[in-house]
Amino acid sequence: ITTATNSLTRASGLVKRVRIPREFVPLSALM
């Protein structure tokens, strides 16, 4: 939970510039 919470803001470049399912970013922290 702690890592996933700031995962989207931490990976802002990836989220904004690359077309990926954005759920994958917090889910990768969970996995």
PDB file of all heavy atoms in Angstrom:
ATOM      1  N   ILE A   1       0.830  -1.208   0.000  1.00  0.00           N
ATOM      2  CA  ILE A   1       0.000   0.000   0.000  1.00  0.00           C
ATOM      3  C   ILE A   1       0.858   1.248   0.000  1.00  0.00           C
ATOM      4  O   ILE A   1       0.590   2.207  -0.742  1.00  0.00           O
ATOM      5  CB  ILE A   1      -0.960  -0.010   1.203  1.00  0.00           C
ATOM      6  CG1 ILE A   1      -1.952  -1.165   1.073  1.00  0.00           C
ATOM      7  CG2 ILE A   1      -1.709   1.317   1.310  1.00  0.00           C
ATOM      8  CD1 ILE A   1      -2.848  -1.359   2.287  1.00  0.00           C
ATOM      9  N   THR A   2       1.902   1.272   0.816  1.00  0.00           N
ATOM     10  CA  THR A   2       2.771   2.447   0.900  1.00  0.00           C
ATOM     11  C   THR A   2       3.454   2.726  -0.432  1.00  0.00           C
ATOM     12  O   THR A   2       3.503   3.875  -0.887  1.00  0.00           O
ATOM     13  CB  THR A   2       3.828   2.249   2.004  1.00  0.00           C
ATOM     14  OG1 THR A   2       3.168   2.015   3.254  1.00  0.00           O
ATOM     15  CG2 THR A   2       4.705   3.477   2.123  1.00  0.00           C
ATOM     16  N   THR A   3       3.983   1.683  -1.066  1.00  0.00           N
ATOM     17  CA  THR A   3       4.680   1.861  -2.337  1.00  0.00           C
ATOM     18  C   THR A   3       3.716   2.207  -3.468  1.00  0.00           C
ATOM     19  O   THR A   3       4.018   3.055  -4.315  1.00  0.00           O
ATOM     20  CB  THR A   3       5.459   0.587  -2.702  1.00  0.00           C
ATOM     21  OG1 THR A   3       6.277   0.194  -1.610  1.00  0.00           O
ATOM     22  CG2 THR A   3       6.352   0.827  -3.914  1.00  0.00           C
ATOM     23  N   ALA A   4       2.555   1.565  -3.467  1.00  0.00           N
ATOM     24  CA  ALA A   4       1.583   1.810  -4.537  1.00  0.00           C
ATOM     25  C   ALA A   4       0.989   3.206  -4.455  1.00  0.00           C
ATOM     26  O   ALA A   4       0.652   3.798  -5.490  1.00  0.00           O
ATOM     27  CB  ALA A   4       0.471   0.766  -4.476  1.00  0.00           C
ATOM     28  N   THR A   5       0.863   3.752  -3.247  1.00  0.00           N
ATOM     29  CA  THR A   5       0.196   5.043  -3.077  1.00  0.00           C
ATOM     30  C   THR A   5       0.854   6.142  -3.901  1.00  0.00           C
ATOM     31  O   THR A   5       0.167   6.941  -4.554  1.00  0.00           O
ATOM     32  CB  THR A   5       0.166   5.435  -1.591  1.00  0.00           C
ATOM     33  OG1 THR A   5      -0.630   4.476  -0.879  1.00  0.00           O
ATOM     34  CG2 THR A   5      -0.420   6.826  -1.387  1.00  0.00           C
ATOM     35  N   ASN A   6       2.173   6.206  -3.899  1.00  0.00           N
ATOM     36  CA  ASN A   6       2.851   7.269  -4.672  1.00  0.00           C
ATOM     37  C   ASN A   6       3.431   6.751  -5.985  1.00  0.00           C
ATOM     38  O   ASN A   6       4.269   7.403  -6.600  1.00  0.00           O
ATOM     39  CB  ASN A   6       3.944   7.938  -3.830  1.00  0.00           C
ATOM     40  CG  ASN A   6       5.066   6.987  -3.460  1.00  0.00           C
ATOM     41  OD1 ASN A   6       5.062   5.824  -3.851  1.00  0.00           O
ATOM     42  ND2 ASN A   6       6.022   7.488  -2.711  1.00  0.00           N
ATOM     43  N   SER A   7       2.980   5.562  -6.420  1.00  0.00           N
ATOM     44  CA  SER A   7       3.545   4.958  -7.632  1.00  0.00           C
ATOM     45  C   SER A   7       3.202   5.767  -8.879  1.00  0.00           C
ATOM     46  O   SER A   7       4.038   5.926  -9.775  1.00  0.00           O
ATOM     47  CB  SER A   7       3.052   3.519  -7.787  1.00  0.00           C
ATOM     48  OG  SER A   7       1.640   3.473  -7.901  1.00  0.00           O
ATOM     49  N   LEU A   8       1.985   6.272  -8.978  1.00  0.00           N
ATOM     50  CA  LEU A   8       1.585   7.023 -10.174  1.00  0.00           C
ATOM     51  C   LEU A   8       2.306   8.358 -10.255  1.00  0.00           C
ATOM     52  O   LEU A   8       2.764   8.766 -11.324  1.00  0.00           O
ATOM     53  CB  LEU A   8       0.071   7.247 -10.166  1.00  0.00           C
ATOM     54  CG  LEU A   8      -0.785   5.996 -10.414  1.00  0.00           C
ATOM     55  CD1 LEU A   8      -2.247   6.283 -10.129  1.00  0.00           C
ATOM     56  CD2 LEU A   8      -0.606   5.512 -11.855  1.00  0.00           C
ATOM     57  N   THR A   9       2.432   9.051  -9.132  1.00  0.00           N
ATOM     58  CA  THR A   9       3.138  10.342  -9.142  1.00  0.00           C
ATOM     59  C   THR A   9       4.639  10.139  -9.316  1.00  0.00           C
ATOM     60  O   THR A   9       5.309  10.962  -9.947  1.00  0.00           O
ATOM     61  CB  THR A   9       2.870  11.099  -7.828  1.00  0.00           C
ATOM     62  OG1 THR A   9       3.216  10.264  -6.705  1.00  0.00           O
ATOM     63  CG2 THR A   9       1.398  11.471  -7.711  1.00  0.00           C
ATOM     64  N   ARG A  10       5.150   9.024  -8.789  1.00  0.00           N
ATOM     65  CA  ARG A  10       6.573   8.731  -8.922  1.00  0.00           C
ATOM     66  C   ARG A  10       6.935   8.371 -10.360  1.00  0.00           C
ATOM     67  O   ARG A  10       8.038   8.650 -10.822  1.00  0.00           O
ATOM     68  CB  ARG A  10       6.929   7.593  -7.964  1.00  0.00           C
ATOM     69  CG  ARG A  10       8.383   7.191  -7.911  1.00  0.00           C
ATOM     70  CD  ARG A  10       8.686   6.387  -6.661  1.00  0.00           C
ATOM     71  NE  ARG A  10       7.616   5.493  -6.285  1.00  0.00           N
ATOM     72  CZ  ARG A  10       7.519   4.230  -6.664  1.00  0.00           C
ATOM     73  NH1 ARG A  10       8.419   3.716  -7.469  1.00  0.00           N
ATOM     74  NH2 ARG A  10       6.512   3.476  -6.251  1.00  0.00           N
ATOM     75  N   ALA A  11       5.998   7.750 -11.074  1.00  0.00           N
ATOM     76  CA  ALA A  11       6.238   7.345 -12.462  1.00  0.00           C
ATOM     77  C   ALA A  11       5.482   8.258 -13.421  1.00  0.00           C
ATOM     78  O   ALA A  11       4.919   7.796 -14.425  1.00  0.00           O
ATOM     79  CB  ALA A  11       5.813   5.897 -12.651  1.00  0.00           C
ATOM     80  N   SER A  12       5.459   9.547 -13.123  1.00  0.00           N
ATOM     81  CA  SER A  12       4.669  10.495 -13.918  1.00  0.00           C
ATOM     82  C   SER A  12       5.081  10.488 -15.392  1.00  0.00           C
ATOM     83  O   SER A  12       4.235  10.577 -16.282  1.00  0.00           O
ATOM     84  CB  SER A  12       4.790  11.903 -13.339  1.00  0.00           C
ATOM     85  OG  SER A  12       6.149  12.313 -13.296  1.00  0.00           O
ATOM     86  N   GLY A  13       6.382  10.397 -15.663  1.00  0.00           N
ATOM     87  CA  GLY A  13       6.846  10.382 -17.049  1.00  0.00           C
ATOM     88  C   GLY A  13       6.314   9.193 -17.810  1.00  0.00           C
ATOM     89  O   GLY A  13       5.854   9.308 -18.954  1.00  0.00           O
ATOM     90  N   LEU A  14       6.336   8.032 -17.181  1.00  0.00           N
ATOM     91  CA  LEU A  14       5.834   6.814 -17.813  1.00  0.00           C
ATOM     92  C   LEU A  14       4.332   6.904 -18.027  1.00  0.00           C
ATOM     93  O   LEU A  14       3.819   6.546 -19.093  1.00  0.00           O
ATOM     94  CB  LEU A  14       6.174   5.605 -16.933  1.00  0.00           C
ATOM     95  CG  LEU A  14       5.669   4.236 -17.406  1.00  0.00           C
ATOM     96  CD1 LEU A  14       6.361   3.838 -18.695  1.00  0.00           C
ATOM     97  CD2 LEU A  14       5.903   3.189 -16.321  1.00  0.00           C
ATOM     98  N   VAL A  15       3.622   7.407 -17.031  1.00  0.00           N
ATOM     99  CA  VAL A  15       2.165   7.465 -17.098  1.00  0.00           C
ATOM    100  C   VAL A  15       1.691   8.412 -18.188  1.00  0.00           C
ATOM    101  O   VAL A  15       0.726   8.126 -18.911  1.00  0.00           O
ATOM    102  CB  VAL A  15       1.589   7.884 -15.726  1.00  0.00           C
ATOM    103  CG1 VAL A  15       0.084   8.141 -15.823  1.00  0.00           C
ATOM    104  CG2 VAL A  15       1.871   6.818 -14.676  1.00  0.00           C
ATOM    105  N   LYS A  16       2.383   9.533 -18.365  1.00  0.00           N
ATOM    106  CA  LYS A  16       1.920  10.565 -19.301  1.00  0.00           C
ATOM    107  C   LYS A  16       2.393  10.322 -20.735  1.00  0.00           C
ATOM    108  O   LYS A  16       1.732  10.727 -21.687  1.00  0.00           O
ATOM    109  CB  LYS A  16       2.398  11.937 -18.839  1.00  0.00           C
ATOM    110  CG  LYS A  16       1.780  12.382 -17.517  1.00  0.00           C
ATOM    111  CD  LYS A  16       2.284  13.723 -17.064  1.00  0.00           C
ATOM    112  CE  LYS A  16       1.714  14.846 -17.913  1.00  0.00           C
ATOM    113  NZ  LYS A  16       2.040  16.180 -17.347  1.00  0.00           N
ATOM    114  N   ARG A  17       3.542   9.671 -20.912  1.00  0.00           N
ATOM    115  CA  ARG A  17       4.136   9.577 -22.246  1.00  0.00           C
ATOM    116  C   ARG A  17       3.996   8.218 -22.907  1.00  0.00           C
ATOM    117  O   ARG A  17       4.142   8.094 -24.125  1.00  0.00           O
ATOM    118  CB  ARG A  17       5.623   9.930 -22.170  1.00  0.00           C
ATOM    119  CG  ARG A  17       5.862  11.375 -21.727  1.00  0.00           C
ATOM    120  CD  ARG A  17       7.322  11.611 -21.432  1.00  0.00           C
ATOM    121  NE  ARG A  17       7.536  12.914 -20.799  1.00  0.00           N
ATOM    122  CZ  ARG A  17       8.601  13.240 -20.099  1.00  0.00           C
ATOM    123  NH1 ARG A  17       9.567  12.342 -19.953  1.00  0.00           N
ATOM    124  NH2 ARG A  17       8.719  14.435 -19.551  1.00  0.00           N
ATOM    125  N   VAL A  18       3.724   7.185 -22.117  1.00  0.00           N
ATOM    126  CA  VAL A  18       3.649   5.831 -22.671  1.00  0.00           C
ATOM    127  C   VAL A  18       2.235   5.308 -22.491  1.00  0.00           C
ATOM    128  O   VAL A  18       1.651   5.417 -21.410  1.00  0.00           O
ATOM    129  CB  VAL A  18       4.654   4.887 -21.973  1.00  0.00           C
ATOM    130  CG1 VAL A  18       4.588   3.493 -22.588  1.00  0.00           C
ATOM    131  CG2 VAL A  18       6.064   5.455 -22.063  1.00  0.00           C
ATOM    132  N   ARG A  19       1.686   4.740 -23.562  1.00  0.00           N
ATOM    133  CA  ARG A  19       0.336   4.189 -23.491  1.00  0.00           C
ATOM    134  C   ARG A  19       0.382   2.789 -22.870  1.00  0.00           C
ATOM    135  O   ARG A  19       0.702   1.805 -23.547  1.00  0.00           O
ATOM    136  CB  ARG A  19      -0.290   4.147 -24.892  1.00  0.00           C
ATOM    137  CG  ARG A  19      -0.585   5.513 -25.479  1.00  0.00           C
ATOM    138  CD  ARG A  19      -1.305   5.390 -26.808  1.00  0.00           C
ATOM    139  NE  ARG A  19      -2.569   4.687 -26.674  1.00  0.00           N
ATOM    140  CZ  ARG A  19      -3.718   5.273 -26.312  1.00  0.00           C
ATOM    141  NH1 ARG A  19      -3.736   6.578 -26.042  1.00  0.00           N
ATOM    142  NH2 ARG A  19      -4.837   4.575 -26.231  1.00  0.00           N
ATOM    143  N   ILE A  20       0.107   2.735 -21.583  1.00  0.00           N
ATOM    144  CA  ILE A  20       0.041   1.467 -20.865  1.00  0.00           C
ATOM    145  C   ILE A  20      -1.214   1.472 -20.005  1.00  0.00           C
ATOM    146  O   ILE A  20      -1.743   2.539 -19.681  1.00  0.00           O
ATOM    147  CB  ILE A  20       1.278   1.244 -19.956  1.00  0.00           C
ATOM    148  CG1 ILE A  20       1.348   2.334 -18.874  1.00  0.00           C
ATOM    149  CG2 ILE A  20       2.554   1.198 -20.752  1.00  0.00           C
ATOM    150  CD1 ILE A  20       2.380   2.067 -17.810  1.00  0.00           C
ATOM    151  N   PRO A  21      -1.720   0.303 -19.651  1.00  0.00           N
ATOM    152  CA  PRO A  21      -2.821   0.278 -18.680  1.00  0.00           C
ATOM    153  C   PRO A  21      -2.327   0.868 -17.360  1.00  0.00           C
ATOM    154  O   PRO A  21      -1.401   0.332 -16.746  1.00  0.00           O
ATOM    155  CB  PRO A  21      -3.139  -1.217 -18.541  1.00  0.00           C
ATOM    156  CG  PRO A  21      -2.593  -1.845 -19.782  1.00  0.00           C
ATOM    157  CD  PRO A  21      -1.384  -1.040 -20.138  1.00  0.00           C
ATOM    158  N   ARG A  22      -2.889   1.963 -16.951  1.00  0.00           N
ATOM    159  CA  ARG A  22      -2.348   2.669 -15.787  1.00  0.00           C
ATOM    160  C   ARG A  22      -2.531   1.897 -14.484  1.00  0.00           C
ATOM    161  O   ARG A  22      -1.828   2.175 -13.507  1.00  0.00           O
ATOM    162  CB  ARG A  22      -2.991   4.046 -15.697  1.00  0.00           C
ATOM    163  CG  ARG A  22      -2.483   4.971 -16.809  1.00  0.00           C
ATOM    164  CD  ARG A  22      -3.232   6.254 -16.883  1.00  0.00           C
ATOM    165  NE  ARG A  22      -2.564   7.189 -17.794  1.00  0.00           N
ATOM    166  CZ  ARG A  22      -3.050   8.384 -18.115  1.00  0.00           C
ATOM    167  NH1 ARG A  22      -4.210   8.773 -17.621  1.00  0.00           N
ATOM    168  NH2 ARG A  22      -2.390   9.166 -18.935  1.00  0.00           N
ATOM    169  N   GLU A  23      -3.451   0.954 -14.483  1.00  0.00           N
ATOM    170  CA  GLU A  23      -3.577   0.103 -13.301  1.00  0.00           C
ATOM    171  C   GLU A  23      -2.303  -0.687 -13.049  1.00  0.00           C
ATOM    172  O   GLU A  23      -2.026  -1.075 -11.909  1.00  0.00           O
ATOM    173  CB  GLU A  23      -4.747  -0.879 -13.470  1.00  0.00           C
ATOM    174  CG  GLU A  23      -6.098  -0.238 -13.604  1.00  0.00           C
ATOM    175  CD  GLU A  23      -6.475  -0.002 -15.049  1.00  0.00           C
ATOM    176  OE1 GLU A  23      -5.562   0.113 -15.900  1.00  0.00           O
ATOM    177  OE2 GLU A  23      -7.685   0.073 -15.339  1.00  0.00           O
ATOM    178  N   PHE A  24      -1.530  -0.940 -14.114  1.00  0.00           N
ATOM    179  CA  PHE A  24      -0.318  -1.738 -13.979  1.00  0.00           C
ATOM    180  C   PHE A  24       0.713  -1.081 -13.064  1.00  0.00           C
ATOM    181  O   PHE A  24       1.538  -1.782 -12.471  1.00  0.00           O
ATOM    182  CB  PHE A  24       0.313  -1.980 -15.356  1.00  0.00           C
ATOM    183  CG  PHE A  24      -0.335  -3.082 -16.138  1.00  0.00           C
ATOM    184  CD1 PHE A  24      -1.596  -3.536 -15.805  1.00  0.00           C
ATOM    185  CD2 PHE A  24       0.307  -3.676 -17.216  1.00  0.00           C
ATOM    186  CE1 PHE A  24      -2.204  -4.560 -16.523  1.00  0.00           C
ATOM    187  CE2 PHE A  24      -0.291  -4.698 -17.944  1.00  0.00           C
ATOM    188  CZ  PHE A  24      -1.552  -5.132 -17.592  1.00  0.00           C
ATOM    189  N   VAL A  25       0.677   0.243 -12.960  1.00  0.00           N
ATOM    190  CA  VAL A  25       1.695   0.922 -12.160  1.00  0.00           C
ATOM    191  C   VAL A  25       1.532   0.593 -10.671  1.00  0.00           C
ATOM    192  O   VAL A  25       2.478   0.090 -10.045  1.00  0.00           O
ATOM    193  CB  VAL A  25       1.665   2.443 -12.405  1.00  0.00           C
ATOM    194  CG1 VAL A  25       2.701   3.147 -11.530  1.00  0.00           C
ATOM    195  CG2 VAL A  25       1.920   2.748 -13.878  1.00  0.00           C
ATOM    196  N   PRO A  26       0.350   0.833 -10.047  1.00  0.00           N
ATOM    197  CA  PRO A  26       0.217   0.407  -8.646  1.00  0.00           C
ATOM    198  C   PRO A  26       0.221  -1.108  -8.481  1.00  0.00           C
ATOM    199  O   PRO A  26       0.706  -1.626  -7.463  1.00  0.00           O
ATOM    200  CB  PRO A  26      -1.129   1.010  -8.216  1.00  0.00           C
ATOM    201  CG  PRO A  26      -1.870   1.296  -9.469  1.00  0.00           C
ATOM    202  CD  PRO A  26      -0.828   1.607 -10.490  1.00  0.00           C
ATOM    203  N   LEU A  27      -0.289  -1.835  -9.487  1.00  0.00           N
ATOM    204  CA  LEU A  27      -0.300  -3.295  -9.370  1.00  0.00           C
ATOM    205  C   LEU A  27       1.112  -3.874  -9.406  1.00  0.00           C
ATOM    206  O   LEU A  27       1.367  -4.927  -8.809  1.00  0.00           O
ATOM    207  CB  LEU A  27      -1.142  -3.907 -10.486  1.00  0.00           C
ATOM    208  CG  LEU A  27      -2.660  -3.718 -10.373  1.00  0.00           C
ATOM    209  CD1 LEU A  27      -3.376  -4.395 -11.530  1.00  0.00           C
ATOM    210  CD2 LEU A  27      -3.182  -4.236  -9.040  1.00  0.00           C
ATOM    211  N   SER A  28       2.031  -3.208 -10.099  1.00  0.00           N
ATOM    212  CA  SER A  28       3.413  -3.695 -10.114  1.00  0.00           C
ATOM    213  C   SER A  28       4.042  -3.577  -8.726  1.00  0.00           C
ATOM    214  O   SER A  28       4.841  -4.433  -8.321  1.00  0.00           O
ATOM    215  CB  SER A  28       4.247  -2.925 -11.149  1.00  0.00           C
ATOM    216  OG  SER A  28       4.368  -1.564 -10.800  1.00  0.00           O
ATOM    217  N   ALA A  29       3.679  -2.511  -7.989  1.00  0.00           N
ATOM    218  CA  ALA A  29       4.157  -2.376  -6.609  1.00  0.00           C
ATOM    219  C   ALA A  29       3.591  -3.493  -5.744  1.00  0.00           C
ATOM    220  O   ALA A  29       4.288  -4.053  -4.882  1.00  0.00           O
ATOM    221  CB  ALA A  29       3.753  -1.009  -6.055  1.00  0.00           C
ATOM    222  N   LEU A  30       2.331  -3.822  -5.965  1.00  0.00           N
ATOM    223  CA  LEU A  30       1.699  -4.919  -5.222  1.00  0.00           C
ATOM    224  C   LEU A  30       2.375  -6.252  -5.541  1.00  0.00           C
ATOM    225  O   LEU A  30       2.692  -7.028  -4.630  1.00  0.00           O
ATOM    226  CB  LEU A  30       0.210  -4.977  -5.575  1.00  0.00           C
ATOM    227  CG  LEU A  30      -0.572  -6.207  -5.101  1.00  0.00           C
ATOM    228  CD1 LEU A  30      -0.474  -6.370  -3.597  1.00  0.00           C
ATOM    229  CD2 LEU A  30      -2.025  -6.112  -5.545  1.00  0.00           C
ATOM    230  N   MET A  31       2.624  -6.538  -6.817  1.00  0.00           N
ATOM    231  CA  MET A  31       3.234  -7.800  -7.198  1.00  0.00           C
ATOM    232  C   MET A  31       4.676  -7.919  -6.702  1.00  0.00           C
ATOM    233  O   MET A  31       5.136  -9.007  -6.349  1.00  0.00           O
ATOM    234  CB  MET A  31       3.188  -7.957  -8.721  1.00  0.00           C
ATOM    235  CG  MET A  31       1.801  -8.153  -9.300  1.00  0.00           C
ATOM    236  SD  MET A  31       0.993  -9.681  -8.718  1.00  0.00           S
ATOM    237  CE  MET A  31      -0.190  -8.998  -7.538  1.00  0.00           C
TER     238      MET A  31
END
